[in-house]
PDB file of N, CA and C in Angstrom:
ATOM      1  N   GLN A   1     -44.747  90.565-321.533  1.00  0.00           N
ATOM      2  CA  GLN A   1     -43.889  91.184-320.522  1.00  0.00           C
ATOM      3  C   GLN A   1     -42.429  90.983-320.885  1.00  0.00           C
ATOM      4  N   VAL A   2     -41.652  92.023-320.657  1.00  0.00           N
ATOM      5  CA  VAL A   2     -40.204  91.975-320.881  1.00  0.00           C
ATOM      6  C   VAL A   2     -39.527  92.524-319.628  1.00  0.00           C
ATOM      7  N   GLN A   3     -38.517  91.814-319.156  1.00  0.00           N
ATOM      8  CA  GLN A   3     -37.722  92.291-318.025  1.00  0.00           C
ATOM      9  C   GLN A   3     -36.338  92.687-318.549  1.00  0.00           C
ATOM     10  N   LEU A   4     -35.860  93.826-318.078  1.00  0.00           N
ATOM     11  CA  LEU A   4     -34.562  94.351-318.501  1.00  0.00           C
ATOM     12  C   LEU A   4     -33.698  94.575-317.260  1.00  0.00           C
ATOM     13  N   VAL A   5     -32.482  94.056-317.282  1.00  0.00           N
ATOM     14  CA  VAL A   5     -31.566  94.215-316.158  1.00  0.00           C
ATOM     15  C   VAL A   5     -30.252  94.789-316.660  1.00  0.00           C
ATOM     16  N   GLU A   6     -29.932  95.994-316.182  1.00  0.00           N
ATOM     17  CA  GLU A   6     -28.701  96.658-316.587  1.00  0.00           C
ATOM     18  C   GLU A   6     -27.564  96.318-315.628  1.00  0.00           C
ATOM     19  N   SER A   7     -26.358  96.408-316.151  1.00  0.00           N
ATOM     20  CA  SER A   7     -25.164  96.256-315.324  1.00  0.00           C
ATOM     21  C   SER A   7     -24.021  97.003-315.992  1.00  0.00           C
ATOM     22  N   GLY A   8     -22.960  97.239-315.226  1.00  0.00           N
ATOM     23  CA  GLY A   8     -21.757  97.829-315.801  1.00  0.00           C
ATOM     24  C   GLY A   8     -21.494  99.272-315.432  1.00  0.00           C
ATOM     25  N   GLY A   9     -22.402  99.910-314.716  1.00  0.00           N
ATOM     26  CA  GLY A   9     -22.156 101.284-314.325  1.00  0.00           C
ATOM     27  C   GLY A   9     -21.077 101.371-313.260  1.00  0.00           C
ATOM     28  N   GLY A  10     -20.673 102.592-312.960  1.00  0.00           N
ATOM     29  CA  GLY A  10     -19.652 102.779-311.937  1.00  0.00           C
ATOM     30  C   GLY A  10     -19.015 104.134-312.027  1.00  0.00           C
ATOM     31  N   LEU A  11     -17.908 104.266-311.329  1.00  0.00           N
ATOM     32  CA  LEU A  11     -17.148 105.523-311.283  1.00  0.00           C
ATOM     33  C   LEU A  11     -15.924 105.383-312.169  1.00  0.00           C
ATOM     34  N   VAL A  12     -15.724 106.379-313.024  1.00  0.00           N
ATOM     35  CA  VAL A  12     -14.572 106.362-313.922  1.00  0.00           C
ATOM     36  C   VAL A  12     -14.054 107.781-314.079  1.00  0.00           C
ATOM     37  N   GLN A  13     -12.767 107.911-314.330  1.00  0.00           N
ATOM     38  CA  GLN A  13     -12.196 109.226-314.557  1.00  0.00           C
ATOM     39  C   GLN A  13     -12.477 109.694-315.988  1.00  0.00           C
ATOM     40  N   ALA A  14     -12.488 110.990-316.174  1.00  0.00           N
ATOM     41  CA  ALA A  14     -12.679 111.555-317.506  1.00  0.00           C
ATOM     42  C   ALA A  14     -11.638 110.972-318.461  1.00  0.00           C
ATOM     43  N   GLY A  15     -12.102 110.628-319.650  1.00  0.00           N
ATOM     44  CA  GLY A  15     -11.238 109.994-320.638  1.00  0.00           C
ATOM     45  C   GLY A  15     -11.269 108.484-320.599  1.00  0.00           C
ATOM     46  N   GLY A  16     -11.867 107.936-319.562  1.00  0.00           N
ATOM     47  CA  GLY A  16     -11.918 106.493-319.413  1.00  0.00           C
ATOM     48  C   GLY A  16     -13.072 105.868-320.178  1.00  0.00           C
ATOM     49  N   SER A  17     -13.236 104.560-319.972  1.00  0.00           N
ATOM     50  CA  SER A  17     -14.248 103.798-320.689  1.00  0.00           C
ATOM     51  C   SER A  17     -15.061 102.931-319.734  1.00  0.00           C
ATOM     52  N   LEU A  18     -16.282 102.658-320.131  1.00  0.00           N
ATOM     53  CA  LEU A  18     -17.142 101.715-319.442  1.00  0.00           C
ATOM     54  C   LEU A  18     -17.991 101.002-320.482  1.00  0.00           C
ATOM     55  N   ARG A  19     -18.416  99.783-320.150  1.00  0.00           N
ATOM     56  CA  ARG A  19     -19.357  99.083-321.013  1.00  0.00           C
ATOM     57  C   ARG A  19     -20.573  98.695-320.194  1.00  0.00           C
ATOM     58  N   LEU A  20     -21.721  99.156-320.646  1.00  0.00           N
ATOM     59  CA  LEU A  20     -22.982  98.800-320.011  1.00  0.00           C
ATOM     60  C   LEU A  20     -23.594  97.605-320.738  1.00  0.00           C
ATOM     61  N   SER A  21     -24.263  96.771-319.960  1.00  0.00           N
ATOM     62  CA  SER A  21     -24.967  95.622-320.521  1.00  0.00           C
ATOM     63  C   SER A  21     -26.415  95.659-320.080  1.00  0.00           C
ATOM     64  N   CYS A  22     -27.286  95.153-320.917  1.00  0.00           N
ATOM     65  CA  CYS A  22     -28.707  95.050-320.582  1.00  0.00           C
ATOM     66  C   CYS A  22     -29.210  93.712-321.086  1.00  0.00           C
ATOM     67  N   ALA A  23     -29.577  92.864-320.158  1.00  0.00           N
ATOM     68  CA  ALA A  23     -30.081  91.540-320.502  1.00  0.00           C
ATOM     69  C   ALA A  23     -31.601  91.551-320.485  1.00  0.00           C
ATOM     70  N   ALA A  24     -32.185  91.062-321.551  1.00  0.00           N
ATOM     71  CA  ALA A  24     -33.642  91.015-321.668  1.00  0.00           C
ATOM     72  C   ALA A  24     -34.143  89.599-321.469  1.00  0.00           C
ATOM     73  N   SER A  25     -35.287  89.491-320.821  1.00  0.00           N
ATOM     74  CA  SER A  25     -35.940  88.189-320.653  1.00  0.00           C
ATOM     75  C   SER A  25     -37.447  88.391-320.759  1.00  0.00           C
ATOM     76  N   GLY A  26     -38.146  87.280-320.943  1.00  0.00           N
ATOM     77  CA  GLY A  26     -39.590  87.364-321.107  1.00  0.00           C
ATOM     78  C   GLY A  26     -39.972  87.244-322.567  1.00  0.00           C
ATOM     79  N   SER A  27     -40.838  88.098-323.023  1.00  0.00           N
ATOM     80  CA  SER A  27     -41.356  88.033-324.396  1.00  0.00           C
ATOM     81  C   SER A  27     -40.381  88.692-325.369  1.00  0.00           C
ATOM     82  N   ILE A  28     -39.173  88.169-325.386  1.00  0.00           N
ATOM     83  CA  ILE A  28     -38.116  88.810-326.162  1.00  0.00           C
ATOM     84  C   ILE A  28     -38.307  88.665-327.660  1.00  0.00           C
ATOM     85  N   PHE A  29     -39.110  87.709-328.081  1.00  0.00           N
ATOM     86  CA  PHE A  29     -39.305  87.490-329.504  1.00  0.00           C
ATOM     87  C   PHE A  29     -40.007  88.672-330.161  1.00  0.00           C
ATOM     88  N   SER A  30     -40.661  89.482-329.334  1.00  0.00           N
ATOM     89  CA  SER A  30     -41.434  90.594-329.872  1.00  0.00           C
ATOM     90  C   SER A  30     -40.714  91.933-329.784  1.00  0.00           C
ATOM     91  N   ILE A  31     -39.448  91.898-329.336  1.00  0.00           N
ATOM     92  CA  ILE A  31     -38.702  93.156-329.212  1.00  0.00           C
ATOM     93  C   ILE A  31     -38.287  93.660-330.589  1.00  0.00           C
ATOM     94  N   ASN A  32     -38.557  94.922-330.852  1.00  0.00           N
ATOM     95  CA  ASN A  32     -38.137  95.547-332.097  1.00  0.00           C
ATOM     96  C   ASN A  32     -36.877  96.377-331.842  1.00  0.00           C
ATOM     97  N   THR A  33     -37.005  97.397-331.044  1.00  0.00           N
ATOM     98  CA  THR A  33     -35.902  98.312-330.782  1.00  0.00           C
ATOM     99  C   THR A  33     -35.406  98.158-329.351  1.00  0.00           C
ATOM    100  N   MET A  34     -34.091  98.172-329.196  1.00  0.00           N
ATOM    101  CA  MET A  34     -33.486  98.239-327.862  1.00  0.00           C
ATOM    102  C   MET A  34     -32.528  99.409-327.840  1.00  0.00           C
ATOM    103  N   GLY A  35     -32.429 100.017-326.684  1.00  0.00           N
ATOM    104  CA  GLY A  35     -31.549 101.173-326.631  1.00  0.00           C
ATOM    105  C   GLY A  35     -31.244 101.628-325.228  1.00  0.00           C
ATOM    106  N   TRP A  36     -30.559 102.747-325.176  1.00  0.00           N
ATOM    107  CA  TRP A  36     -30.132 103.347-323.916  1.00  0.00           C
ATOM    108  C   TRP A  36     -30.564 104.805-323.859  1.00  0.00           C
ATOM    109  N   TYR A  37     -31.055 105.173-322.710  1.00  0.00           N
ATOM    110  CA  TYR A  37     -31.385 106.553-322.404  1.00  0.00           C
ATOM    111  C   TYR A  37     -30.632 106.912-321.120  1.00  0.00           C
ATOM    112  N   ARG A  38     -30.537 108.192-320.851  1.00  0.00           N
ATOM    113  CA  ARG A  38     -29.902 108.621-319.609  1.00  0.00           C
ATOM    114  C   ARG A  38     -30.620 109.830-319.030  1.00  0.00           C
ATOM    115  N   GLN A  39     -30.478 109.965-317.711  1.00  0.00           N
ATOM    116  CA  GLN A  39     -31.069 111.096-317.011  1.00  0.00           C
ATOM    117  C   GLN A  39     -30.068 111.616-315.990  1.00  0.00           C
ATOM    118  N   ALA A  40     -29.640 112.833-316.224  1.00  0.00           N
ATOM    119  CA  ALA A  40     -28.730 113.498-315.298  1.00  0.00           C
ATOM    120  C   ALA A  40     -29.554 114.229-314.240  1.00  0.00           C
ATOM    121  N   PRO A  41     -28.966 114.520-313.087  1.00  0.00           N
ATOM    122  CA  PRO A  41     -29.703 115.226-312.034  1.00  0.00           C
ATOM    123  C   PRO A  41     -30.284 116.537-312.537  1.00  0.00           C
ATOM    124  N   GLY A  42     -31.579 116.721-312.308  1.00  0.00           N
ATOM    125  CA  GLY A  42     -32.232 117.958-312.688  1.00  0.00           C
ATOM    126  C   GLY A  42     -32.556 118.087-314.159  1.00  0.00           C
ATOM    127  N   LYS A  43     -32.309 117.031-314.918  1.00  0.00           N
ATOM    128  CA  LYS A  43     -32.567 117.085-316.352  1.00  0.00           C
ATOM    129  C   LYS A  43     -33.558 116.005-316.775  1.00  0.00           C
ATOM    130  N   GLN A  44     -34.113 116.180-317.949  1.00  0.00           N
ATOM    131  CA  GLN A  44     -35.034 115.188-318.479  1.00  0.00           C
ATOM    132  C   GLN A  44     -34.269 113.990-319.034  1.00  0.00           C
ATOM    133  N   ARG A  45     -34.954 112.861-319.087  1.00  0.00           N
ATOM    134  CA  ARG A  45     -34.361 111.667-319.679  1.00  0.00           C
ATOM    135  C   ARG A  45     -34.176 111.912-321.185  1.00  0.00           C
ATOM    136  N   GLU A  46     -33.017 111.501-321.688  1.00  0.00           N
ATOM    137  CA  GLU A  46     -32.726 111.729-323.093  1.00  0.00           C
ATOM    138  C   GLU A  46     -32.200 110.467-323.757  1.00  0.00           C
ATOM    139  N   LEU A  47     -32.420 110.383-325.048  1.00  0.00           N
ATOM    140  CA  LEU A  47     -31.926 109.240-325.804  1.00  0.00           C
ATOM    141  C   LEU A  47     -30.402 109.306-325.921  1.00  0.00           C
ATOM    142  N   VAL A  48     -29.769 108.152-325.747  1.00  0.00           N
ATOM    143  CA  VAL A  48     -28.330 108.039-325.958  1.00  0.00           C
ATOM    144  C   VAL A  48     -28.073 107.303-327.272  1.00  0.00           C
ATOM    145  N   ALA A  49     -28.620 106.097-327.370  1.00  0.00           N
ATOM    146  CA  ALA A  49     -28.428 105.293-328.575  1.00  0.00           C
ATOM    147  C   ALA A  49     -29.502 104.225-328.646  1.00  0.00           C
ATOM    148  N   VAL A  50     -29.952 103.919-329.852  1.00  0.00           N
ATOM    149  CA  VAL A  50     -30.916 102.842-330.043  1.00  0.00           C
ATOM    150  C   VAL A  50     -30.499 102.002-331.248  1.00  0.00           C
ATOM    151  N   GLN A  51     -30.877 100.746-331.203  1.00  0.00           N
ATOM    152  CA  GLN A  51     -30.638  99.857-332.336  1.00  0.00           C
ATOM    153  C   GLN A  51     -31.903  99.077-332.627  1.00  0.00           C
ATOM    154  N   ARG A  52     -32.308  99.098-333.896  1.00  0.00           N
ATOM    155  CA  ARG A  52     -33.506  98.394-334.301  1.00  0.00           C
ATOM    156  C   ARG A  52     -33.174  96.942-334.639  1.00  0.00           C
ATOM    157  N   SER A  53     -34.203  96.136-334.764  1.00  0.00           N
ATOM    158  CA  SER A  53     -34.003  94.710-334.980  1.00  0.00           C
ATOM    159  C   SER A  53     -33.243  94.425-336.272  1.00  0.00           C
ATOM    160  N   ARG A  54     -33.356  95.301-337.252  1.00  0.00           N
ATOM    161  CA  ARG A  54     -32.653  95.097-338.521  1.00  0.00           C
ATOM    162  C   ARG A  54     -31.255  95.681-338.510  1.00  0.00           C
ATOM    163  N   GLY A  55     -30.858  96.296-337.367  1.00  0.00           N
ATOM    164  CA  GLY A  55     -29.485  96.728-337.214  1.00  0.00           C
ATOM    165  C   GLY A  55     -29.224  98.212-337.302  1.00  0.00           C
ATOM    166  N   SER A  56     -30.174  98.988-337.807  1.00  0.00           N
ATOM    167  CA  SER A  56     -29.933 100.427-337.904  1.00  0.00           C
ATOM    168  C   SER A  56     -29.840 101.044-336.518  1.00  0.00           C
ATOM    169  N   THR A  57     -29.039 102.091-336.416  1.00  0.00           N
ATOM    170  CA  THR A  57     -28.790 102.726-335.116  1.00  0.00           C
ATOM    171  C   THR A  57     -29.001 104.237-335.202  1.00  0.00           C
ATOM    172  N   ASN A  58     -29.254 104.817-334.051  1.00  0.00           N
ATOM    173  CA  ASN A  58     -29.311 106.267-333.900  1.00  0.00           C
ATOM    174  C   ASN A  58     -28.556 106.640-332.630  1.00  0.00           C
ATOM    175  N   TYR A  59     -27.832 107.717-332.686  1.00  0.00           N
ATOM    176  CA  TYR A  59     -27.080 108.198-331.533  1.00  0.00           C
ATOM    177  C   TYR A  59     -27.403 109.671-331.270  1.00  0.00           C
ATOM    178  N   ALA A  60     -27.342 110.038-330.006  1.00  0.00           N
ATOM    179  CA  ALA A  60     -27.389 111.452-329.672  1.00  0.00           C
ATOM    180  C   ALA A  60     -26.125 112.113-330.212  1.00  0.00           C
ATOM    181  N   ASP A  61     -26.257 113.353-330.665  1.00  0.00           N
ATOM    182  CA  ASP A  61     -25.102 114.058-331.217  1.00  0.00           C
ATOM    183  C   ASP A  61     -23.962 114.129-330.198  1.00  0.00           C
ATOM    184  N   SER A  62     -24.310 114.233-328.934  1.00  0.00           N
ATOM    185  CA  SER A  62     -23.302 114.421-327.885  1.00  0.00           C
ATOM    186  C   SER A  62     -22.430 113.183-327.668  1.00  0.00           C
ATOM    187  N   VAL A  63     -22.863 112.030-328.172  1.00  0.00           N
ATOM    188  CA  VAL A  63     -22.090 110.804-327.936  1.00  0.00           C
ATOM    189  C   VAL A  63     -21.546 110.194-329.222  1.00  0.00           C
ATOM    190  N   LYS A  64     -21.902 110.762-330.349  1.00  0.00           N
ATOM    191  CA  LYS A  64     -21.434 110.218-331.631  1.00  0.00           C
ATOM    192  C   LYS A  64     -19.908 110.191-331.672  1.00  0.00           C
ATOM    193  N   GLY A  65     -19.367 109.062-332.110  1.00  0.00           N
ATOM    194  CA  GLY A  65     -17.927 108.908-332.184  1.00  0.00           C
ATOM    195  C   GLY A  65     -17.292 108.446-330.892  1.00  0.00           C
ATOM    196  N   ARG A  66     -18.054 108.452-329.805  1.00  0.00           N
ATOM    197  CA  ARG A  66     -17.513 108.014-328.512  1.00  0.00           C
ATOM    198  C   ARG A  66     -18.215 106.762-327.983  1.00  0.00           C
ATOM    199  N   PHE A  67     -19.510 106.653-328.236  1.00  0.00           N
ATOM    200  CA  PHE A  67     -20.306 105.531-327.741  1.00  0.00           C
ATOM    201  C   PHE A  67     -20.696 104.624-328.907  1.00  0.00           C
ATOM    202  N   THR A  68     -20.789 103.337-328.624  1.00  0.00           N
ATOM    203  CA  THR A  68     -21.214 102.367-329.630  1.00  0.00           C
ATOM    204  C   THR A  68     -22.223 101.403-329.025  1.00  0.00           C
ATOM    205  N   ILE A  69     -23.366 101.264-329.682  1.00  0.00           N
ATOM    206  CA  ILE A  69     -24.380 100.312-329.234  1.00  0.00           C
ATOM    207  C   ILE A  69     -24.274  99.053-330.090  1.00  0.00           C
ATOM    208  N   THR A  70     -24.313  97.915-329.413  1.00  0.00           N
ATOM    209  CA  THR A  70     -24.322  96.641-330.114  1.00  0.00           C
ATOM    210  C   THR A  70     -25.368  95.736-329.478  1.00  0.00           C
ATOM    211  N   ARG A  71     -25.770  94.756-330.235  1.00  0.00           N
ATOM    212  CA  ARG A  71     -26.856  93.882-329.780  1.00  0.00           C
ATOM    213  C   ARG A  71     -26.477  92.440-330.088  1.00  0.00           C
ATOM    214  N   ASP A  72     -26.531  91.592-329.095  1.00  0.00           N
ATOM    215  CA  ASP A  72     -26.274  90.165-329.268  1.00  0.00           C
ATOM    216  C   ASP A  72     -27.608  89.444-329.157  1.00  0.00           C
ATOM    217  N   ASN A  73     -28.202  89.146-330.276  1.00  0.00           N
ATOM    218  CA  ASN A  73     -29.535  88.542-330.258  1.00  0.00           C
ATOM    219  C   ASN A  73     -29.518  87.137-329.644  1.00  0.00           C
ATOM    220  N   ALA A  74     -28.394  86.441-329.775  1.00  0.00           N
ATOM    221  CA  ALA A  74     -28.308  85.094-329.205  1.00  0.00           C
ATOM    222  C   ALA A  74     -28.358  85.147-327.681  1.00  0.00           C
ATOM    223  N   LYS A  75     -27.825  86.237-327.107  1.00  0.00           N
ATOM    224  CA  LYS A  75     -27.815  86.380-325.648  1.00  0.00           C
ATOM    225  C   LYS A  75     -28.916  87.315-325.170  1.00  0.00           C
ATOM    226  N   ASN A  76     -29.705  87.835-326.097  1.00  0.00           N
ATOM    227  CA  ASN A  76     -30.776  88.769-325.734  1.00  0.00           C
ATOM    228  C   ASN A  76     -30.236  89.932-324.917  1.00  0.00           C
ATOM    229  N   THR A  77     -29.114  90.444-325.344  1.00  0.00           N
ATOM    230  CA  THR A  77     -28.411  91.476-324.581  1.00  0.00           C
ATOM    231  C   THR A  77     -28.013  92.618-325.515  1.00  0.00           C
ATOM    232  N   VAL A  78     -28.139  93.823-324.999  1.00  0.00           N
ATOM    233  CA  VAL A  78     -27.659  94.993-325.706  1.00  0.00           C
ATOM    234  C   VAL A  78     -26.569  95.646-324.871  1.00  0.00           C
ATOM    235  N   TYR A  79     -25.555  96.143-325.550  1.00  0.00           N
ATOM    236  CA  TYR A  79     -24.403  96.737-324.882  1.00  0.00           C
ATOM    237  C   TYR A  79     -24.250  98.198-325.300  1.00  0.00           C
ATOM    238  N   LEU A  80     -23.631  98.960-324.426  1.00  0.00           N
ATOM    239  CA  LEU A  80     -23.247 100.320-324.756  1.00  0.00           C
ATOM    240  C   LEU A  80     -21.792 100.497-324.357  1.00  0.00           C
ATOM    241  N   GLN A  81     -20.921 100.544-325.346  1.00  0.00           N
ATOM    242  CA  GLN A  81     -19.511 100.809-325.095  1.00  0.00           C
ATOM    243  C   GLN A  81     -19.306 102.312-325.076  1.00  0.00           C
ATOM    244  N   MET A  82     -18.811 102.812-323.960  1.00  0.00           N
ATOM    245  CA  MET A  82     -18.641 104.249-323.780  1.00  0.00           C
ATOM    246  C   MET A  82     -17.158 104.549-323.623  1.00  0.00           C
ATOM    247  N   ASN A  83     -16.617 105.282-324.568  1.00  0.00           N
ATOM    248  CA  ASN A  83     -15.212 105.675-324.552  1.00  0.00           C
ATOM    249  C   ASN A  83     -15.086 107.186-324.421  1.00  0.00           C
ATOM    250  N   SER A  84     -13.912 107.623-324.060  1.00  0.00           N
ATOM    251  CA  SER A  84     -13.638 109.066-323.921  1.00  0.00           C
ATOM    252  C   SER A  84     -14.715 109.750-323.093  1.00  0.00           C
ATOM    253  N   LEU A  85     -15.001 109.165-321.955  1.00  0.00           N
ATOM    254  CA  LEU A  85     -16.085 109.681-321.117  1.00  0.00           C
ATOM    255  C   LEU A  85     -15.760 111.066-320.587  1.00  0.00           C
ATOM    256  N   LYS A  86     -16.824 111.868-320.465  1.00  0.00           N
ATOM    257  CA  LYS A  86     -16.708 113.242-319.980  1.00  0.00           C
ATOM    258  C   LYS A  86     -17.556 113.391-318.723  1.00  0.00           C
ATOM    259  N   PRO A  87     -17.229 114.362-317.879  1.00  0.00           N
ATOM    260  CA  PRO A  87     -18.063 114.578-316.688  1.00  0.00           C
ATOM    261  C   PRO A  87     -19.543 114.783-317.038  1.00  0.00           C
ATOM    262  N   GLU A  88     -19.827 115.384-318.163  1.00  0.00           N
ATOM    263  CA  GLU A  88     -21.219 115.613-318.548  1.00  0.00           C
ATOM    264  C   GLU A  88     -21.947 114.341-318.969  1.00  0.00           C
ATOM    265  N   ASP A  89     -21.232 113.225-319.052  1.00  0.00           N
ATOM    266  CA  ASP A  89     -21.880 111.939-319.298  1.00  0.00           C
ATOM    267  C   ASP A  89     -22.434 111.324-318.005  1.00  0.00           C
ATOM    268  N   THR A  90     -22.139 111.954-316.886  1.00  0.00           N
ATOM    269  CA  THR A  90     -22.633 111.452-315.612  1.00  0.00           C
ATOM    270  C   THR A  90     -24.162 111.457-315.593  1.00  0.00           C
ATOM    271  N   ALA A  91     -24.739 110.300-315.313  1.00  0.00           N
ATOM    272  CA  ALA A  91     -26.193 110.156-315.335  1.00  0.00           C
ATOM    273  C   ALA A  91     -26.564 108.735-314.926  1.00  0.00           C
ATOM    274  N   VAL A  92     -27.845 108.541-314.697  1.00  0.00           N
ATOM    275  CA  VAL A  92     -28.371 107.182-314.593  1.00  0.00           C
ATOM    276  C   VAL A  92     -28.742 106.737-316.007  1.00  0.00           C
ATOM    277  N   TYR A  93     -28.216 105.605-316.405  1.00  0.00           N
ATOM    278  CA  TYR A  93     -28.454 105.078-317.745  1.00  0.00           C
ATOM    279  C   TYR A  93     -29.518 103.984-317.671  1.00  0.00           C
ATOM    280  N   TYR A  94     -30.520 104.117-318.525  1.00  0.00           N
ATOM    281  CA  TYR A  94     -31.643 103.199-318.538  1.00  0.00           C
ATOM    282  C   TYR A  94     -31.688 102.422-319.843  1.00  0.00           C
ATOM    283  N   CYS A  95     -31.905 101.137-319.718  1.00  0.00           N
ATOM    284  CA  CYS A  95     -32.126 100.297-320.883  1.00  0.00           C
ATOM    285  C   CYS A  95     -33.604 100.389-321.280  1.00  0.00           C
ATOM    286  N   ASN A  96     -33.850 100.356-322.566  1.00  0.00           N
ATOM    287  CA  ASN A  96     -35.203 100.500-323.085  1.00  0.00           C
ATOM    288  C   ASN A  96     -35.453  99.449-324.160  1.00  0.00           C
ATOM    289  N   ALA A  97     -36.652  98.891-324.156  1.00  0.00           N
ATOM    290  CA  ALA A  97     -37.046  97.953-325.203  1.00  0.00           C
ATOM    291  C   ALA A  97     -38.438  98.324-325.691  1.00  0.00           C
ATOM    292  N   VAL A  98     -38.589  98.341-326.988  1.00  0.00           N
ATOM    293  CA  VAL A  98     -39.890  98.631-327.588  1.00  0.00           C
ATOM    294  C   VAL A  98     -40.316  97.402-328.385  1.00  0.00           C
ATOM    295  N   LEU A  99     -41.503  96.913-328.076  1.00  0.00           N
ATOM    296  CA  LEU A  99     -42.005  95.726-328.759  1.00  0.00           C
ATOM    297  C   LEU A  99     -42.586  96.086-330.118  1.00  0.00           C
ATOM    298  N   SER A 100     -42.740  95.080-330.954  1.00  0.00           N
ATOM    299  CA  SER A 100     -43.306  95.302-332.284  1.00  0.00           C
ATOM    300  C   SER A 100     -44.745  95.816-332.210  1.00  0.00           C
ATOM    301  N   ILE A 101     -45.408  95.569-331.079  1.00  0.00           N
ATOM    302  CA  ILE A 101     -46.782  96.059-330.925  1.00  0.00           C
ATOM    303  C   ILE A 101     -46.821  97.433-330.275  1.00  0.00           C
ATOM    304  N   GLY A 102     -45.631  97.985-330.005  1.00  0.00           N
ATOM    305  CA  GLY A 102     -45.562  99.354-329.526  1.00  0.00           C
ATOM    306  C   GLY A 102     -45.368  99.533-328.036  1.00  0.00           C
ATOM    307  N   MET A 103     -45.472  98.461-327.248  1.00  0.00           N
ATOM    308  CA  MET A 103     -45.288  98.610-325.805  1.00  0.00           C
ATOM    309  C   MET A 103     -43.824  98.873-325.483  1.00  0.00           C
ATOM    310  N   THR A 104     -43.601  99.653-324.437  1.00  0.00           N
ATOM    311  CA  THR A 104     -42.244 100.058-324.044  1.00  0.00           C
ATOM    312  C   THR A 104     -41.936  99.575-322.636  1.00  0.00           C
ATOM    313  N   TYR A 105     -40.725  99.074-322.457  1.00  0.00           N
ATOM    314  CA  TYR A 105     -40.269  98.622-321.144  1.00  0.00           C
ATOM    315  C   TYR A 105     -38.956  99.311-320.797  1.00  0.00           C
ATOM    316  N   TRP A 106     -38.736  99.482-319.494  1.00  0.00           N
ATOM    317  CA  TRP A 106     -37.539 100.138-318.985  1.00  0.00           C
ATOM    318  C   TRP A 106     -36.872  99.271-317.925  1.00  0.00           C
ATOM    319  N   GLY A 107     -35.550  99.345-317.880  1.00  0.00           N
ATOM    320  CA  GLY A 107     -34.829  98.772-316.760  1.00  0.00           C
ATOM    321  C   GLY A 107     -34.831  99.752-315.602  1.00  0.00           C
ATOM    322  N   LYS A 108     -34.226  99.333-314.489  1.00  0.00           N
ATOM    323  CA  LYS A 108     -34.217 100.169-313.292  1.00  0.00           C
ATOM    324  C   LYS A 108     -33.117 101.212-313.336  1.00  0.00           C
ATOM    325  N   GLY A 109     -32.170 101.042-314.240  1.00  0.00           N
ATOM    326  CA  GLY A 109     -31.116 102.027-314.387  1.00  0.00           C
ATOM    327  C   GLY A 109     -29.820 101.636-313.702  1.00  0.00           C
ATOM    328  N   THR A 110     -28.728 102.159-314.247  1.00  0.00           N
ATOM    329  CA  THR A 110     -27.413 101.961-313.637  1.00  0.00           C
ATOM    330  C   THR A 110     -26.681 103.301-313.667  1.00  0.00           C
ATOM    331  N   LEU A 111     -26.039 103.636-312.557  1.00  0.00           N
ATOM    332  CA  LEU A 111     -25.421 104.950-312.410  1.00  0.00           C
ATOM    333  C   LEU A 111     -24.012 104.958-312.996  1.00  0.00           C
ATOM    334  N   VAL A 112     -23.768 105.951-313.824  1.00  0.00           N
ATOM    335  CA  VAL A 112     -22.431 106.205-314.370  1.00  0.00           C
ATOM    336  C   VAL A 112     -21.977 107.566-313.854  1.00  0.00           C
ATOM    337  N   THR A 113     -20.824 107.575-313.191  1.00  0.00           N
ATOM    338  CA  THR A 113     -20.267 108.807-312.670  1.00  0.00           C
ATOM    339  C   THR A 113     -18.888 109.012-313.271  1.00  0.00           C
ATOM    340  N   VAL A 114     -18.697 110.152-313.911  1.00  0.00           N
ATOM    341  CA  VAL A 114     -17.410 110.469-314.534  1.00  0.00           C
ATOM    342  C   VAL A 114     -16.789 111.634-313.770  1.00  0.00           C
ATOM    343  N   SER A 115     -15.658 111.386-313.170  1.00  0.00           N
ATOM    344  CA  SER A 115     -14.986 112.420-312.391  1.00  0.00           C
ATOM    345  C   SER A 115     -14.003 113.199-313.268  1.00  0.00           C
ATOM    346  N   SER A 116     -13.850 114.477-312.941  1.00  0.00           N
ATOM    347  CA  SER A 116     -12.945 115.327-313.734  1.00  0.00           C
ATOM    348  C   SER A 116     -11.533 115.285-313.193  1.00  0.00           C
TER     349      SER A 116
END
């Protein structure tokens, strides 16, 4: 079992920045990939950024150059630094962890609202 708790969401004006955090607890030794997904109203959940245990990352094209995912293994925490935010970034952001055995866990989500 892995528990994920997100924090850092909120309301920000377009062009501003936010940093999301996701703290993992439980069977953290078995986590392979950690990442962030988002779901806007009326849309499907989509990948934002992921980082594998060896450090490689993937980003959605829409956030490349603006968002950065980092992982602090000592704190069992993954971060998402979001810069140059746009109204279309408004969504609930979910933390995701995939174990080496393939099981997937989700946090409850944190709301990011970007005003124009």
